Amino acid sequence: MAQMTILTGPERRRRWSDEQRERILAEAFRSGARVCDVARRHDVARGLIYQWRRAALRQAEPVLVPAVVVNEPAGQAFAPDVAAEFDLADGGRLRIFASASPALAAAALKALR
């Protein structure tokens, strides 16, 4: 059965607390989650979730990520076309190839934020 919320009075917009927004954002952008599913579950417009995310990113402090440089023995080094390799917290690995356009490399790094 569908649920309906009827808003009455002078205020026609719903209000979410900062804690609710943070919880919804964390759930929506968790690995493997789909924003449309989270929006439907919390009865929030998808566009509003993206708007909250943009606002949160504008307010966020820049974060430095530690980098580790490893001198690998001969024969185990990067493939010659790999310009940078990043080990991710979840165990994944991001490799940026030398042939990648600067825009693509910037988009990949921005997506990790």
N, C-alpha and C. Protein backbone atom coordinates (compact mmCIF):
# COMPACT_ATOMS: atom_id res chain seq x y z
N MET A 1 0.85 -1.17 0.00
CA MET A 1 0.00 0.00 0.00
C MET A 1 0.89 1.23 0.00
N ALA A 2 0.56 2.21 -0.79
CA ALA A 2 1.34 3.43 -0.89
C ALA A 2 1.06 4.34 0.31
N GLN A 3 2.08 5.10 0.66
CA GLN A 3 1.94 6.03 1.78
C GLN A 3 1.86 7.44 1.21
N MET A 4 1.00 8.26 1.80
CA MET A 4 0.85 9.62 1.32
C MET A 4 1.00 10.57 2.51
N THR A 5 1.76 11.64 2.31
CA THR A 5 1.93 12.66 3.34
C THR A 5 1.22 13.91 2.87
N ILE A 6 0.31 14.41 3.69
CA ILE A 6 -0.43 15.62 3.35
C ILE A 6 0.12 16.75 4.22
N LEU A 7 0.62 17.77 3.56
CA LEU A 7 1.16 18.92 4.26
C LEU A 7 0.12 20.02 4.27
N THR A 8 -0.18 20.53 5.45
CA THR A 8 -1.18 21.57 5.56
C THR A 8 -0.57 22.79 6.22
N GLY A 9 -1.26 23.87 6.18
CA GLY A 9 -0.77 25.08 6.81
C GLY A 9 0.12 25.88 5.87
N PRO A 10 0.71 26.96 6.40
CA PRO A 10 1.50 27.85 5.54
C PRO A 10 2.80 27.19 5.04
N GLU A 11 3.38 26.29 5.80
CA GLU A 11 4.63 25.65 5.41
C GLU A 11 4.33 24.41 4.58
N ARG A 12 4.72 24.42 3.31
CA ARG A 12 4.43 23.32 2.41
C ARG A 12 5.64 22.42 2.17
N ARG A 13 6.80 22.81 2.67
CA ARG A 13 8.00 22.03 2.43
C ARG A 13 8.36 21.21 3.65
N ARG A 14 8.90 20.03 3.39
CA ARG A 14 9.38 19.19 4.49
C ARG A 14 10.74 19.70 4.93
N ARG A 15 11.08 19.45 6.16
CA ARG A 15 12.37 19.86 6.71
C ARG A 15 13.11 18.63 7.20
N TRP A 16 14.40 18.56 6.92
CA TRP A 16 15.24 17.47 7.40
C TRP A 16 16.32 18.06 8.28
N SER A 17 16.59 17.41 9.39
CA SER A 17 17.66 17.87 10.27
C SER A 17 19.00 17.56 9.62
N ASP A 18 20.06 18.18 10.12
CA ASP A 18 21.40 17.92 9.59
C ASP A 18 21.76 16.45 9.75
N GLU A 19 21.36 15.86 10.87
CA GLU A 19 21.66 14.44 11.12
C GLU A 19 20.96 13.54 10.10
N GLN A 20 19.70 13.87 9.79
CA GLN A 20 18.95 13.09 8.80
C GLN A 20 19.60 13.21 7.43
N ARG A 21 20.01 14.43 7.06
CA ARG A 21 20.66 14.63 5.76
C ARG A 21 21.96 13.83 5.68
N GLU A 22 22.77 13.90 6.73
CA GLU A 22 24.04 13.18 6.74
C GLU A 22 23.81 11.68 6.62
N ARG A 23 22.82 11.16 7.33
CA ARG A 23 22.53 9.73 7.28
C ARG A 23 22.06 9.31 5.89
N ILE A 24 21.19 10.12 5.27
CA ILE A 24 20.70 9.81 3.93
C ILE A 24 21.84 9.90 2.91
N LEU A 25 22.69 10.92 3.03
CA LEU A 25 23.82 11.05 2.11
C LEU A 25 24.78 9.88 2.24
N ALA A 26 25.08 9.50 3.48
CA ALA A 26 26.00 8.37 3.69
C ALA A 26 25.43 7.09 3.08
N GLU A 27 24.14 6.89 3.23
CA GLU A 27 23.51 5.70 2.67
C GLU A 27 23.46 5.76 1.14
N ALA A 28 23.18 6.93 0.59
CA ALA A 28 23.02 7.07 -0.86
C ALA A 28 24.33 6.88 -1.61
N PHE A 29 25.45 7.29 -1.00
CA PHE A 29 26.72 7.23 -1.71
C PHE A 29 27.64 6.16 -1.16
N ARG A 30 27.07 5.21 -0.44
CA ARG A 30 27.82 4.03 -0.01
C ARG A 30 28.09 3.17 -1.23
N SER A 31 29.18 2.47 -1.22
CA SER A 31 29.54 1.64 -2.36
C SER A 31 28.43 0.62 -2.65
N GLY A 32 27.99 0.58 -3.90
CA GLY A 32 26.96 -0.36 -4.32
C GLY A 32 25.54 0.15 -4.15
N ALA A 33 25.36 1.28 -3.49
CA ALA A 33 24.01 1.82 -3.28
C ALA A 33 23.56 2.58 -4.52
N ARG A 34 22.26 2.65 -4.70
CA ARG A 34 21.68 3.43 -5.79
C ARG A 34 20.90 4.58 -5.20
N VAL A 35 21.20 5.79 -5.66
CA VAL A 35 20.57 7.00 -5.12
C VAL A 35 19.06 6.92 -5.27
N CYS A 36 18.58 6.40 -6.39
CA CYS A 36 17.12 6.35 -6.60
C CYS A 36 16.44 5.45 -5.56
N ASP A 37 17.09 4.34 -5.18
CA ASP A 37 16.51 3.45 -4.17
C ASP A 37 16.47 4.12 -2.80
N VAL A 38 17.57 4.79 -2.46
CA VAL A 38 17.64 5.48 -1.15
C VAL A 38 16.61 6.61 -1.12
N ALA A 39 16.50 7.36 -2.20
CA ALA A 39 15.53 8.46 -2.26
C ALA A 39 14.11 7.93 -2.07
N ARG A 40 13.80 6.84 -2.73
CA ARG A 40 12.46 6.27 -2.61
C ARG A 40 12.19 5.80 -1.19
N ARG A 41 13.19 5.16 -0.57
CA ARG A 41 13.04 4.62 0.78
C ARG A 41 12.80 5.74 1.81
N HIS A 42 13.44 6.90 1.60
CA HIS A 42 13.31 8.01 2.55
C HIS A 42 12.32 9.08 2.09
N ASP A 43 11.66 8.83 0.95
CA ASP A 43 10.68 9.77 0.39
C ASP A 43 11.31 11.15 0.18
N VAL A 44 12.45 11.14 -0.51
CA VAL A 44 13.19 12.35 -0.83
C VAL A 44 13.42 12.36 -2.34
N ALA A 45 13.35 13.51 -2.97
CA ALA A 45 13.63 13.61 -4.40
C ALA A 45 15.12 13.35 -4.65
N ARG A 46 15.41 12.62 -5.73
CA ARG A 46 16.82 12.32 -6.06
C ARG A 46 17.62 13.60 -6.22
N GLY A 47 17.05 14.58 -6.90
CA GLY A 47 17.75 15.84 -7.13
C GLY A 47 18.11 16.53 -5.83
N LEU A 48 17.27 16.39 -4.81
CA LEU A 48 17.55 17.01 -3.52
C LEU A 48 18.76 16.35 -2.86
N ILE A 49 18.89 15.04 -3.02
CA ILE A 49 20.05 14.34 -2.46
C ILE A 49 21.33 14.85 -3.11
N TYR A 50 21.32 15.01 -4.43
CA TYR A 50 22.50 15.54 -5.13
C TYR A 50 22.76 16.99 -4.72
N GLN A 51 21.71 17.76 -4.49
CA GLN A 51 21.87 19.15 -4.05
C GLN A 51 22.52 19.18 -2.67
N TRP A 52 22.08 18.32 -1.76
CA TRP A 52 22.69 18.23 -0.43
C TRP A 52 24.16 17.85 -0.54
N ARG A 53 24.46 16.92 -1.46
CA ARG A 53 25.85 16.48 -1.64
C ARG A 53 26.73 17.62 -2.12
N ARG A 54 26.26 18.39 -3.11
CA ARG A 54 27.04 19.52 -3.61
C ARG A 54 27.28 20.54 -2.49
N ALA A 55 26.26 20.82 -1.70
CA ALA A 55 26.40 21.78 -0.60
C ALA A 55 27.40 21.27 0.43
N ALA A 56 27.35 19.97 0.73
CA ALA A 56 28.28 19.40 1.70
C ALA A 56 29.71 19.44 1.18
N LEU A 57 29.90 19.19 -0.10
CA LEU A 57 31.25 19.23 -0.68
C LEU A 57 31.80 20.65 -0.69
N ARG A 58 30.95 21.64 -0.89
CA ARG A 58 31.41 23.04 -0.85
C ARG A 58 31.88 23.43 0.55
N GLN A 59 31.25 22.88 1.59
CA GLN A 59 31.57 23.23 2.96
C GLN A 59 32.71 22.39 3.54
N ALA A 60 33.05 21.30 2.86
CA ALA A 60 34.04 20.37 3.40
C ALA A 60 35.44 20.98 3.38
N GLU A 61 36.20 20.65 4.39
CA GLU A 61 37.59 21.07 4.46
C GLU A 61 38.42 20.18 3.54
N PRO A 62 39.42 20.73 2.88
CA PRO A 62 40.30 19.88 2.06
C PRO A 62 41.01 18.86 2.95
N VAL A 63 41.17 17.67 2.43
CA VAL A 63 41.80 16.60 3.19
C VAL A 63 43.03 16.11 2.43
N LEU A 64 44.12 15.97 3.14
CA LEU A 64 45.31 15.41 2.55
C LEU A 64 45.27 13.89 2.71
N VAL A 65 45.60 13.20 1.66
CA VAL A 65 45.61 11.74 1.69
C VAL A 65 47.06 11.30 1.68
N PRO A 66 47.46 10.46 2.64
CA PRO A 66 48.86 10.03 2.65
C PRO A 66 49.16 9.17 1.43
N ALA A 67 50.33 9.38 0.88
CA ALA A 67 50.77 8.60 -0.27
C ALA A 67 52.01 7.80 0.14
N VAL A 68 52.11 6.61 -0.36
CA VAL A 68 53.25 5.75 -0.06
C VAL A 68 53.95 5.44 -1.37
N VAL A 69 55.24 5.72 -1.42
CA VAL A 69 56.03 5.40 -2.60
C VAL A 69 56.82 4.16 -2.29
N VAL A 70 56.68 3.15 -3.13
CA VAL A 70 57.34 1.87 -2.90
C VAL A 70 58.32 1.63 -4.03
N ASN A 71 59.56 1.33 -3.67
CA ASN A 71 60.54 0.94 -4.68
C ASN A 71 60.42 -0.56 -4.87
N GLU A 72 59.86 -0.94 -5.99
CA GLU A 72 59.64 -2.36 -6.26
C GLU A 72 60.86 -2.94 -6.96
N PRO A 73 61.16 -4.20 -6.70
CA PRO A 73 62.28 -4.83 -7.40
C PRO A 73 62.02 -4.88 -8.90
N ALA A 74 63.10 -4.98 -9.68
CA ALA A 74 62.98 -5.04 -11.13
C ALA A 74 62.05 -6.19 -11.52
N GLY A 75 61.24 -5.96 -12.52
CA GLY A 75 60.32 -6.99 -13.00
C GLY A 75 58.95 -6.91 -12.34
N GLN A 76 58.82 -6.19 -11.21
CA GLN A 76 57.54 -6.06 -10.53
C GLN A 76 57.02 -4.63 -10.56
N ALA A 77 57.67 -3.79 -11.30
CA ALA A 77 57.27 -2.39 -11.36
C ALA A 77 55.97 -2.25 -12.15
N PHE A 78 55.45 -1.02 -12.17
CA PHE A 78 54.23 -0.73 -12.92
C PHE A 78 54.43 -1.10 -14.38
N ALA A 79 53.32 -1.34 -15.02
CA ALA A 79 53.37 -1.47 -16.48
C ALA A 79 53.84 -0.13 -17.02
N PRO A 80 54.54 -0.09 -18.14
CA PRO A 80 55.11 1.17 -18.61
C PRO A 80 54.09 2.27 -18.88
N ASP A 81 52.85 1.91 -19.12
CA ASP A 81 51.85 2.94 -19.42
C ASP A 81 51.06 3.39 -18.20
N VAL A 82 51.37 2.90 -16.99
CA VAL A 82 50.68 3.33 -15.78
C VAL A 82 51.42 4.54 -15.21
N ALA A 83 50.71 5.68 -15.14
CA ALA A 83 51.32 6.90 -14.62
C ALA A 83 51.19 6.99 -13.11
N ALA A 84 50.10 6.48 -12.55
CA ALA A 84 49.87 6.55 -11.10
C ALA A 84 48.99 5.38 -10.68
N GLU A 85 49.23 4.91 -9.49
CA GLU A 85 48.44 3.80 -8.94
C GLU A 85 48.09 4.14 -7.50
N PHE A 86 46.80 3.98 -7.13
CA PHE A 86 46.33 4.31 -5.79
C PHE A 86 45.66 3.07 -5.19
N ASP A 87 46.09 2.71 -3.97
CA ASP A 87 45.41 1.65 -3.22
C ASP A 87 44.32 2.31 -2.40
N LEU A 88 43.11 1.80 -2.53
CA LEU A 88 41.95 2.39 -1.86
C LEU A 88 41.70 1.72 -0.52
N ALA A 89 41.00 2.41 0.35
CA ALA A 89 40.72 1.91 1.70
C ALA A 89 39.93 0.61 1.68
N ASP A 90 39.08 0.42 0.66
CA ASP A 90 38.26 -0.79 0.61
C ASP A 90 38.98 -1.97 -0.05
N GLY A 91 40.29 -1.79 -0.31
CA GLY A 91 41.07 -2.87 -0.90
C GLY A 91 41.18 -2.79 -2.41
N GLY A 92 40.46 -1.87 -3.02
CA GLY A 92 40.52 -1.71 -4.47
C GLY A 92 41.78 -0.97 -4.88
N ARG A 93 41.97 -0.83 -6.15
CA ARG A 93 43.15 -0.15 -6.68
C ARG A 93 42.73 0.68 -7.89
N LEU A 94 43.18 1.93 -7.92
CA LEU A 94 42.91 2.82 -9.05
C LEU A 94 44.22 3.04 -9.78
N ARG A 95 44.22 2.76 -11.07
CA ARG A 95 45.40 3.00 -11.90
C ARG A 95 45.02 4.04 -12.94
N ILE A 96 45.85 5.06 -13.06
CA ILE A 96 45.67 6.08 -14.09
C ILE A 96 46.79 5.88 -15.10
N PHE A 97 46.42 5.62 -16.33
CA PHE A 97 47.39 5.34 -17.38
C PHE A 97 47.88 6.64 -17.99
N ALA A 98 49.09 6.62 -18.48
CA ALA A 98 49.69 7.80 -19.09
C ALA A 98 48.89 8.28 -20.28
N SER A 99 48.18 7.39 -20.94
CA SER A 99 47.39 7.77 -22.12
C SER A 99 46.06 8.43 -21.76
N ALA A 100 45.70 8.43 -20.46
CA ALA A 100 44.44 9.04 -20.04
C ALA A 100 44.50 10.55 -20.21
N SER A 101 43.39 11.13 -20.62
CA SER A 101 43.35 12.58 -20.76
C SER A 101 43.37 13.22 -19.37
N PRO A 102 43.89 14.44 -19.27
CA PRO A 102 43.89 15.12 -17.97
C PRO A 102 42.48 15.25 -17.38
N ALA A 103 41.48 15.45 -18.21
CA ALA A 103 40.10 15.59 -17.71
C ALA A 103 39.63 14.27 -17.11
N LEU A 104 39.95 13.16 -17.74
CA LEU A 104 39.56 11.86 -17.22
C LEU A 104 40.27 11.55 -15.90
N ALA A 105 41.56 11.85 -15.83
CA ALA A 105 42.31 11.62 -14.59
C ALA A 105 41.75 12.49 -13.46
N ALA A 106 41.44 13.75 -13.77
CA ALA A 106 40.88 14.64 -12.75
C ALA A 106 39.51 14.14 -12.29
N ALA A 107 38.69 13.65 -13.21
CA ALA A 107 37.37 13.14 -12.84
C ALA A 107 37.49 11.90 -11.96
N ALA A 108 38.45 11.02 -12.26
CA ALA A 108 38.64 9.81 -11.46
C ALA A 108 39.09 10.18 -10.04
N LEU A 109 40.01 11.12 -9.93
CA LEU A 109 40.47 11.54 -8.61
C LEU A 109 39.38 12.28 -7.84
N LYS A 110 38.59 13.08 -8.53
CA LYS A 110 37.50 13.80 -7.88
C LYS A 110 36.45 12.84 -7.36
N ALA A 111 36.22 11.75 -8.09
CA ALA A 111 35.22 10.75 -7.67
C ALA A 111 35.63 10.06 -6.39
N LEU A 112 36.92 10.02 -6.10
CA LEU A 112 37.40 9.37 -4.87
C LEU A 112 37.15 10.23 -3.64
N ARG A 113 36.90 11.50 -3.81
CA ARG A 113 36.72 12.39 -2.66
C ARG A 113 35.55 12.01 -1.86
